[in-house]
Amino acid sequence: IWVVSRNEKIDLVFMTQAYQTDVAKVLQVFWAFGEGLQEVLELVGLVLDKFAAEIKATKIEAVGRPAFVRLLRRLGADFQYVTCGRDVRPVMRN
């Protein structure tokens, strides 16, 4: 879990996880909540690059809202795939 804090206030929270494929180790970033990402994007990008290099990841993926595609393009990211979601359905017990 990562936290961006300014002026003694938590502005952003995100989580990371790493996974290994046959060809690469990937650092996934999941944006949880917050505001002001645009103002700290460059710094957060550098921190994540450093962390990814330390764990020997060669790729970073951001999972979040579609607006992130536009925002993250300036860091060299491009659209790769869609993550879909749904509400949890109630399960009836017998």
C-alpha atoms as a PDB file:
ATOM      1  CA  ILE A   1       0.000   0.000   0.000  1.00  0.00           C
ATOM      2  CA  TRP A   2       1.330   3.390  -1.009  1.00  0.00           C
ATOM      3  CA  VAL A   3       0.184   6.767   0.299  1.00  0.00           C
ATOM      4  CA  VAL A   4       0.776  10.251  -1.103  1.00  0.00           C
ATOM      5  CA  SER A   5       0.479  12.812   1.633  1.00  0.00           C
ATOM      6  CA  ARG A   6       0.848  16.587   1.506  1.00  0.00           C
ATOM      7  CA  ASN A   7       0.244  19.083   4.300  1.00  0.00           C
ATOM      8  CA  GLU A   8      -0.483  16.289   6.815  1.00  0.00           C
ATOM      9  CA  LYS A   9      -3.412  15.079   4.668  1.00  0.00           C
ATOM     10  CA  ILE A  10      -3.644  11.825   2.723  1.00  0.00           C
ATOM     11  CA  ASP A  11      -4.228  12.784  -0.903  1.00  0.00           C
ATOM     12  CA  LEU A  12      -3.873   9.464  -2.727  1.00  0.00           C
ATOM     13  CA  VAL A  13      -3.775   5.779  -1.909  1.00  0.00           C
ATOM     14  CA  PHE A  14      -2.765   3.021  -4.290  1.00  0.00           C
ATOM     15  CA  MET A  15      -1.620  -0.573  -4.089  1.00  0.00           C
ATOM     16  CA  THR A  16       0.901  -2.545  -6.078  1.00  0.00           C
ATOM     17  CA  GLN A  17       1.446  -6.198  -6.788  1.00  0.00           C
ATOM     18  CA  ALA A  18       3.955  -7.971  -8.957  1.00  0.00           C
ATOM     19  CA  TYR A  19       3.384 -11.002 -11.115  1.00  0.00           C
ATOM     20  CA  GLN A  20       5.613 -13.067 -13.370  1.00  0.00           C
ATOM     21  CA  THR A  21       4.754 -14.112 -16.912  1.00  0.00           C
ATOM     22  CA  ASP A  22       6.813 -16.345 -19.181  1.00  0.00           C
ATOM     23  CA  VAL A  23       8.590 -13.308 -20.611  1.00  0.00           C
ATOM     24  CA  ALA A  24       8.475 -10.544 -17.996  1.00  0.00           C
ATOM     25  CA  LYS A  25       7.872  -9.527 -14.413  1.00  0.00           C
ATOM     26  CA  VAL A  26       5.088  -6.927 -14.175  1.00  0.00           C
ATOM     27  CA  LEU A  27       4.355  -4.379 -11.460  1.00  0.00           C
ATOM     28  CA  GLN A  28       0.622  -3.661 -11.355  1.00  0.00           C
ATOM     29  CA  VAL A  29      -0.637  -0.438  -9.815  1.00  0.00           C
ATOM     30  CA  PHE A  30      -4.201  -0.242  -8.505  1.00  0.00           C
ATOM     31  CA  TRP A  31      -5.424   3.280  -7.798  1.00  0.00           C
ATOM     32  CA  ALA A  32      -7.659   3.147  -4.728  1.00  0.00           C
ATOM     33  CA  PHE A  33      -8.797   6.687  -4.049  1.00  0.00           C
ATOM     34  CA  GLY A  34      -7.706  10.264  -3.811  1.00  0.00           C
ATOM     35  CA  GLU A  35      -7.278  13.500  -5.646  1.00  0.00           C
ATOM     36  CA  GLY A  36      -4.407  15.481  -7.073  1.00  0.00           C
ATOM     37  CA  LEU A  37      -2.810  12.665  -9.085  1.00  0.00           C
ATOM     38  CA  GLN A  38      -2.044  15.056 -11.917  1.00  0.00           C
ATOM     39  CA  GLU A  39       0.063  17.247  -9.626  1.00  0.00           C
ATOM     40  CA  VAL A  40       2.228  14.364  -8.353  1.00  0.00           C
ATOM     41  CA  LEU A  41       2.132  12.053 -11.380  1.00  0.00           C
ATOM     42  CA  GLU A  42       5.743  12.629 -12.448  1.00  0.00           C
ATOM     43  CA  LEU A  43       7.061  11.994  -8.929  1.00  0.00           C
ATOM     44  CA  VAL A  44       4.875   8.913  -8.417  1.00  0.00           C
ATOM     45  CA  GLY A  45       6.003   7.634 -11.819  1.00  0.00           C
ATOM     46  CA  LEU A  46       9.663   7.964 -10.829  1.00  0.00           C
ATOM     47  CA  VAL A  47       9.075   6.233  -7.491  1.00  0.00           C
ATOM     48  CA  LEU A  48       7.280   3.349  -9.211  1.00  0.00           C
ATOM     49  CA  ASP A  49      10.041   3.054 -11.832  1.00  0.00           C
ATOM     50  CA  LYS A  50      12.633   2.792  -9.050  1.00  0.00           C
ATOM     51  CA  PHE A  51      10.584   0.234  -7.116  1.00  0.00           C
ATOM     52  CA  ALA A  52       9.932  -1.800 -10.272  1.00  0.00           C
ATOM     53  CA  ALA A  53      13.654  -1.861 -11.048  1.00  0.00           C
ATOM     54  CA  GLU A  54      14.450  -2.988  -7.482  1.00  0.00           C
ATOM     55  CA  ILE A  55      12.106  -5.972  -7.797  1.00  0.00           C
ATOM     56  CA  LYS A  56      13.396  -6.618 -11.336  1.00  0.00           C
ATOM     57  CA  ALA A  57      10.074  -5.879 -13.044  1.00  0.00           C
ATOM     58  CA  THR A  58      10.277  -4.811 -16.662  1.00  0.00           C
ATOM     59  CA  LYS A  59       6.742  -3.581 -17.135  1.00  0.00           C
ATOM     60  CA  ILE A  60       4.311  -1.422 -15.166  1.00  0.00           C
ATOM     61  CA  GLU A  61       0.554  -1.694 -15.589  1.00  0.00           C
ATOM     62  CA  ALA A  62      -1.959   0.747 -14.122  1.00  0.00           C
ATOM     63  CA  VAL A  63      -5.408  -0.617 -13.380  1.00  0.00           C
ATOM     64  CA  GLY A  64      -8.105   1.981 -12.922  1.00  0.00           C
ATOM     65  CA  ARG A  65     -10.584   4.240 -14.626  1.00  0.00           C
ATOM     66  CA  PRO A  66     -10.554   4.868 -18.393  1.00  0.00           C
ATOM     67  CA  ALA A  67      -9.438   8.469 -17.768  1.00  0.00           C
ATOM     68  CA  PHE A  68      -6.054   7.094 -16.672  1.00  0.00           C
ATOM     69  CA  VAL A  69      -5.234   6.267 -20.300  1.00  0.00           C
ATOM     70  CA  ARG A  70      -5.234   9.960 -21.195  1.00  0.00           C
ATOM     71  CA  LEU A  71      -3.387  10.942 -18.018  1.00  0.00           C
ATOM     72  CA  LEU A  72      -0.711   8.245 -18.152  1.00  0.00           C
ATOM     73  CA  ARG A  73       0.136   8.713 -21.847  1.00  0.00           C
ATOM     74  CA  ARG A  74       2.567  11.471 -20.882  1.00  0.00           C
ATOM     75  CA  LEU A  75       4.589   8.858 -18.957  1.00  0.00           C
ATOM     76  CA  GLY A  76       4.760   6.622 -22.025  1.00  0.00           C
ATOM     77  CA  ALA A  77       1.812   4.362 -21.188  1.00  0.00           C
ATOM     78  CA  ASP A  78      -0.665   3.186 -23.780  1.00  0.00           C
ATOM     79  CA  PHE A  79      -4.019   1.384 -23.729  1.00  0.00           C
ATOM     80  CA  GLN A  80      -3.535  -2.377 -23.501  1.00  0.00           C
ATOM     81  CA  TYR A  81      -6.705  -4.052 -22.277  1.00  0.00           C
ATOM     82  CA  VAL A  82      -9.909  -3.499 -20.366  1.00  0.00           C
ATOM     83  CA  THR A  83     -10.630  -4.690 -16.860  1.00  0.00           C
ATOM     84  CA  CYS A  84     -14.292  -5.394 -16.354  1.00  0.00           C
ATOM     85  CA  GLY A  85     -16.163  -5.546 -13.090  1.00  0.00           C
ATOM     86  CA  ARG A  86     -19.563  -6.246 -11.669  1.00  0.00           C
ATOM     87  CA  ASP A  87     -21.397  -6.172  -8.374  1.00  0.00           C
ATOM     88  CA  VAL A  88     -21.184  -9.240  -6.198  1.00  0.00           C
ATOM     89  CA  ARG A  89     -24.354 -11.248  -6.616  1.00  0.00           C
ATOM     90  CA  PRO A  90     -26.185 -12.561  -3.591  1.00  0.00           C
ATOM     91  CA  VAL A  91     -25.852 -16.293  -3.095  1.00  0.00           C
ATOM     92  CA  MET A  92     -28.855 -18.177  -1.774  1.00  0.00           C
ATOM     93  CA  ARG A  93     -28.268 -20.859   0.812  1.00  0.00           C
ATOM     94  CA  ASN A  94     -30.305 -24.038   1.024  1.00  0.00           C
END
